[in-house]
Amino acid sequence: MPADDTVDALVDALVRCTFQITGVLTRIGADNDLSLTQLRVFGILRDRRPRVTALAAHLGLDKSTMSGLIDRAERRGLLAREKNPADGRVVDVFLTPAGRDLTQRLYLEVRDALAPELLRLRPEQRVQLVALLDPLLNPTGD
């Protein structure tokens, strides 16, 4: 692939942004006795009920590591597992009411932590940024 200054500049900006956001997430996770990976799990489960194997694949974890993460969250009353109603051979994982409450509180903490930087953008710039990031975040158009 030929060098392209615009691609290099974008990669640099995305990496720096990732470092900044990861720092916020890591701090908020630590304040709530959660790892960055656990935060990712809660974020994924906000609006879906995936199979344990699909969740592990999405996070790039093996099934045993995923099961350990789920076990710890289950002991805290934040996640639960249940056989899939359509296919009893597979197990779904989902947020409990306490897990939903925690996830919502964490979202608000993250939003409040990132707001000062995001509010430097004009409202129309924020809308434009969301639109520009969409193809990167949803490559299949989901």
C-alpha atoms as a PDB file:
ATOM      1  CA  MET A   1       0.000   0.000   0.000  1.00  0.00           C
ATOM      2  CA  PRO A   2       1.493   3.368  -0.948  1.00  0.00           C
ATOM      3  CA  ALA A   3       2.183   5.892   1.793  1.00  0.00           C
ATOM      4  CA  ASP A   4      -0.545   8.467   2.186  1.00  0.00           C
ATOM      5  CA  ASP A   5      -0.096  11.359   4.581  1.00  0.00           C
ATOM      6  CA  THR A   6      -3.834  11.568   5.211  1.00  0.00           C
ATOM      7  CA  VAL A   7      -3.974   7.909   6.233  1.00  0.00           C
ATOM      8  CA  ASP A   8      -0.944   8.369   8.506  1.00  0.00           C
ATOM      9  CA  ALA A   9      -2.495  11.444  10.106  1.00  0.00           C
ATOM     10  CA  LEU A  10      -5.783   9.619  10.632  1.00  0.00           C
ATOM     11  CA  VAL A  11      -4.086   6.556  12.116  1.00  0.00           C
ATOM     12  CA  ASP A  12      -2.141   8.815  14.477  1.00  0.00           C
ATOM     13  CA  ALA A  13      -5.304  10.678  15.534  1.00  0.00           C
ATOM     14  CA  LEU A  14      -7.259   7.450  16.063  1.00  0.00           C
ATOM     15  CA  VAL A  15      -4.472   5.897  18.121  1.00  0.00           C
ATOM     16  CA  ARG A  16      -4.128   9.005  20.300  1.00  0.00           C
ATOM     17  CA  CYS A  17      -7.905   9.105  20.738  1.00  0.00           C
ATOM     18  CA  THR A  18      -7.907   5.417  21.663  1.00  0.00           C
ATOM     19  CA  PHE A  19      -5.211   5.999  24.290  1.00  0.00           C
ATOM     20  CA  GLN A  20      -7.192   8.880  25.775  1.00  0.00           C
ATOM     21  CA  ILE A  21     -10.460   6.928  25.889  1.00  0.00           C
ATOM     22  CA  THR A  22      -8.768   3.776  27.174  1.00  0.00           C
ATOM     23  CA  GLY A  23      -7.274   5.820  30.001  1.00  0.00           C
ATOM     24  CA  VAL A  24     -10.716   7.094  30.986  1.00  0.00           C
ATOM     25  CA  LEU A  25     -12.237   3.607  30.772  1.00  0.00           C
ATOM     26  CA  THR A  26      -9.387   2.033  32.740  1.00  0.00           C
ATOM     27  CA  ARG A  27      -9.709   4.626  35.524  1.00  0.00           C
ATOM     28  CA  ILE A  28     -13.486   4.283  35.744  1.00  0.00           C
ATOM     29  CA  GLY A  29     -13.210   0.500  35.648  1.00  0.00           C
ATOM     30  CA  ALA A  30     -10.631   0.511  38.445  1.00  0.00           C
ATOM     31  CA  ASP A  31     -12.838   2.823  40.509  1.00  0.00           C
ATOM     32  CA  ASN A  32     -15.574   0.173  40.187  1.00  0.00           C
ATOM     33  CA  ASP A  33     -13.343  -2.898  40.637  1.00  0.00           C
ATOM     34  CA  LEU A  34     -13.708  -3.829  36.950  1.00  0.00           C
ATOM     35  CA  SER A  35     -11.135  -4.587  34.298  1.00  0.00           C
ATOM     36  CA  LEU A  36     -11.169  -2.989  30.870  1.00  0.00           C
ATOM     37  CA  THR A  37     -12.309  -6.330  29.430  1.00  0.00           C
ATOM     38  CA  GLN A  38     -15.201  -6.490  31.901  1.00  0.00           C
ATOM     39  CA  LEU A  39     -16.223  -2.983  30.852  1.00  0.00           C
ATOM     40  CA  ARG A  40     -16.192  -4.142  27.238  1.00  0.00           C
ATOM     41  CA  VAL A  41     -18.440  -7.085  28.176  1.00  0.00           C
ATOM     42  CA  PHE A  42     -20.958  -4.790  29.866  1.00  0.00           C
ATOM     43  CA  GLY A  43     -20.876  -2.425  26.897  1.00  0.00           C
ATOM     44  CA  ILE A  44     -21.598  -5.261  24.483  1.00  0.00           C
ATOM     45  CA  LEU A  45     -24.405  -6.630  26.642  1.00  0.00           C
ATOM     46  CA  ARG A  46     -26.186  -3.268  26.909  1.00  0.00           C
ATOM     47  CA  ASP A  47     -28.354  -4.045  23.915  1.00  0.00           C
ATOM     48  CA  ARG A  48     -27.951  -7.729  23.172  1.00  0.00           C
ATOM     49  CA  ARG A  49     -27.992 -11.226  24.647  1.00  0.00           C
ATOM     50  CA  PRO A  50     -25.266 -13.142  22.787  1.00  0.00           C
ATOM     51  CA  ARG A  51     -24.157 -16.707  23.117  1.00  0.00           C
ATOM     52  CA  VAL A  52     -21.152 -17.129  25.370  1.00  0.00           C
ATOM     53  CA  THR A  53     -19.101 -18.383  22.428  1.00  0.00           C
ATOM     54  CA  ALA A  54     -20.057 -15.392  20.261  1.00  0.00           C
ATOM     55  CA  LEU A  55     -19.152 -12.981  23.068  1.00  0.00           C
ATOM     56  CA  ALA A  56     -15.788 -14.693  23.511  1.00  0.00           C
ATOM     57  CA  ALA A  57     -15.103 -14.522  19.773  1.00  0.00           C
ATOM     58  CA  HIS A  58     -16.089 -10.848  19.608  1.00  0.00           C
ATOM     59  CA  LEU A  59     -13.638 -10.044  22.412  1.00  0.00           C
ATOM     60  CA  GLY A  60     -10.906 -12.305  21.029  1.00  0.00           C
ATOM     61  CA  LEU A  61     -10.933 -14.515  24.130  1.00  0.00           C
ATOM     62  CA  ASP A  62     -11.027 -18.263  24.465  1.00  0.00           C
ATOM     63  CA  LYS A  63     -14.154 -19.813  25.953  1.00  0.00           C
ATOM     64  CA  SER A  64     -12.527 -20.679  29.291  1.00  0.00           C
ATOM     65  CA  THR A  65     -11.305 -17.102  29.818  1.00  0.00           C
ATOM     66  CA  MET A  66     -14.763 -15.811  28.916  1.00  0.00           C
ATOM     67  CA  SER A  67     -16.374 -18.258  31.333  1.00  0.00           C
ATOM     68  CA  GLY A  68     -14.091 -17.029  34.114  1.00  0.00           C
ATOM     69  CA  LEU A  69     -15.059 -13.407  33.436  1.00  0.00           C
ATOM     70  CA  ILE A  70     -18.726 -14.344  33.452  1.00  0.00           C
ATOM     71  CA  ASP A  71     -18.315 -16.408  36.651  1.00  0.00           C
ATOM     72  CA  ARG A  72     -16.844 -13.413  38.500  1.00  0.00           C
ATOM     73  CA  ALA A  73     -19.591 -11.096  37.279  1.00  0.00           C
ATOM     74  CA  GLU A  74     -22.256 -13.669  38.174  1.00  0.00           C
ATOM     75  CA  ARG A  75     -20.901 -13.862  41.746  1.00  0.00           C
ATOM     76  CA  ARG A  76     -21.346 -10.093  41.924  1.00  0.00           C
ATOM     77  CA  GLY A  77     -24.905 -10.417  40.622  1.00  0.00           C
ATOM     78  CA  LEU A  78     -24.148  -8.438  37.440  1.00  0.00           C
ATOM     79  CA  LEU A  79     -24.475 -11.091  34.717  1.00  0.00           C
ATOM     80  CA  ALA A  80     -26.421 -14.301  34.283  1.00  0.00           C
ATOM     81  CA  ARG A  81     -26.394 -17.229  31.897  1.00  0.00           C
ATOM     82  CA  GLU A  82     -29.371 -19.076  30.527  1.00  0.00           C
ATOM     83  CA  LYS A  83     -30.023 -21.655  27.852  1.00  0.00           C
ATOM     84  CA  ASN A  84     -31.000 -20.073  24.575  1.00  0.00           C
ATOM     85  CA  PRO A  85     -34.783 -20.393  24.151  1.00  0.00           C
ATOM     86  CA  ALA A  86     -34.409 -21.226  20.446  1.00  0.00           C
ATOM     87  CA  ASP A  87     -31.558 -23.721  20.892  1.00  0.00           C
ATOM     88  CA  GLY A  88     -31.185 -25.375  24.279  1.00  0.00           C
ATOM     89  CA  ARG A  89     -27.686 -26.575  23.403  1.00  0.00           C
ATOM     90  CA  VAL A  90     -26.230 -23.067  23.638  1.00  0.00           C
ATOM     91  CA  VAL A  91     -25.978 -20.632  26.518  1.00  0.00           C
ATOM     92  CA  ASP A  92     -26.729 -16.920  26.340  1.00  0.00           C
ATOM     93  CA  VAL A  93     -25.228 -14.333  28.664  1.00  0.00           C
ATOM     94  CA  PHE A  94     -27.063 -11.174  29.715  1.00  0.00           C
ATOM     95  CA  LEU A  95     -27.070  -8.327  32.214  1.00  0.00           C
ATOM     96  CA  THR A  96     -29.062  -8.737  35.409  1.00  0.00           C
ATOM     97  CA  PRO A  97     -31.040  -5.737  36.676  1.00  0.00           C
ATOM     98  CA  ALA A  98     -28.058  -4.861  38.900  1.00  0.00           C
ATOM     99  CA  GLY A  99     -25.763  -5.216  35.879  1.00  0.00           C
ATOM    100  CA  ARG A 100     -28.016  -2.915  33.835  1.00  0.00           C
ATOM    101  CA  ASP A 101     -27.976  -0.318  36.617  1.00  0.00           C
ATOM    102  CA  LEU A 102     -24.176  -0.501  36.878  1.00  0.00           C
ATOM    103  CA  THR A 103     -23.771  -0.314  33.097  1.00  0.00           C
ATOM    104  CA  GLN A 104     -25.956   2.790  32.933  1.00  0.00           C
ATOM    105  CA  ARG A 105     -24.019   4.421  35.777  1.00  0.00           C
ATOM    106  CA  LEU A 106     -20.704   3.585  34.105  1.00  0.00           C
ATOM    107  CA  TYR A 107     -21.941   5.036  30.816  1.00  0.00           C
ATOM    108  CA  LEU A 108     -22.822   8.295  32.577  1.00  0.00           C
ATOM    109  CA  GLU A 109     -19.381   8.391  34.229  1.00  0.00           C
ATOM    110  CA  VAL A 110     -17.664   7.872  30.874  1.00  0.00           C
ATOM    111  CA  ARG A 111     -19.852  10.488  29.212  1.00  0.00           C
ATOM    112  CA  ASP A 112     -19.100  13.004  31.978  1.00  0.00           C
ATOM    113  CA  ALA A 113     -15.362  12.268  31.780  1.00  0.00           C
ATOM    114  CA  LEU A 114     -15.239  12.721  27.993  1.00  0.00           C
ATOM    115  CA  ALA A 115     -17.689  15.636  27.760  1.00  0.00           C
ATOM    116  CA  PRO A 116     -15.165  18.459  28.288  1.00  0.00           C
ATOM    117  CA  GLU A 117     -13.193  17.405  25.207  1.00  0.00           C
ATOM    118  CA  LEU A 118     -16.263  16.538  23.138  1.00  0.00           C
ATOM    119  CA  LEU A 119     -17.926  19.855  23.924  1.00  0.00           C
ATOM    120  CA  ARG A 120     -15.015  21.635  22.227  1.00  0.00           C
ATOM    121  CA  LEU A 121     -16.686  20.522  19.004  1.00  0.00           C
ATOM    122  CA  ARG A 122     -19.709  22.411  17.734  1.00  0.00           C
ATOM    123  CA  PRO A 123     -22.934  20.341  17.700  1.00  0.00           C
ATOM    124  CA  GLU A 124     -22.788  19.967  13.909  1.00  0.00           C
ATOM    125  CA  GLN A 125     -19.171  18.758  14.165  1.00  0.00           C
ATOM    126  CA  ARG A 126     -20.206  16.105  16.690  1.00  0.00           C
ATOM    127  CA  VAL A 127     -22.945  14.912  14.318  1.00  0.00           C
ATOM    128  CA  GLN A 128     -20.442  14.864  11.456  1.00  0.00           C
ATOM    129  CA  LEU A 129     -17.887  12.915  13.515  1.00  0.00           C
ATOM    130  CA  VAL A 130     -20.466  10.265  14.387  1.00  0.00           C
ATOM    131  CA  ALA A 131     -21.343   9.931  10.700  1.00  0.00           C
ATOM    132  CA  LEU A 132     -17.676   9.711   9.694  1.00  0.00           C
ATOM    133  CA  LEU A 133     -16.901   7.049  12.292  1.00  0.00           C
ATOM    134  CA  ASP A 134     -19.927   4.895  11.443  1.00  0.00           C
ATOM    135  CA  PRO A 135     -18.337   3.040   8.482  1.00  0.00           C
ATOM    136  CA  LEU A 136     -15.315   2.225  10.664  1.00  0.00           C
ATOM    137  CA  LEU A 137     -17.440   0.981  13.564  1.00  0.00           C
ATOM    138  CA  ASN A 138     -20.089  -0.785  11.461  1.00  0.00           C
ATOM    139  CA  PRO A 139     -18.278  -2.095   8.382  1.00  0.00           C
ATOM    140  CA  THR A 140     -21.150  -4.408   7.481  1.00  0.00           C
ATOM    141  CA  GLY A 141     -23.758  -1.682   7.927  1.00  0.00           C
ATOM    142  CA  ASP A 142     -25.302  -3.258  11.039  1.00  0.00           C
END
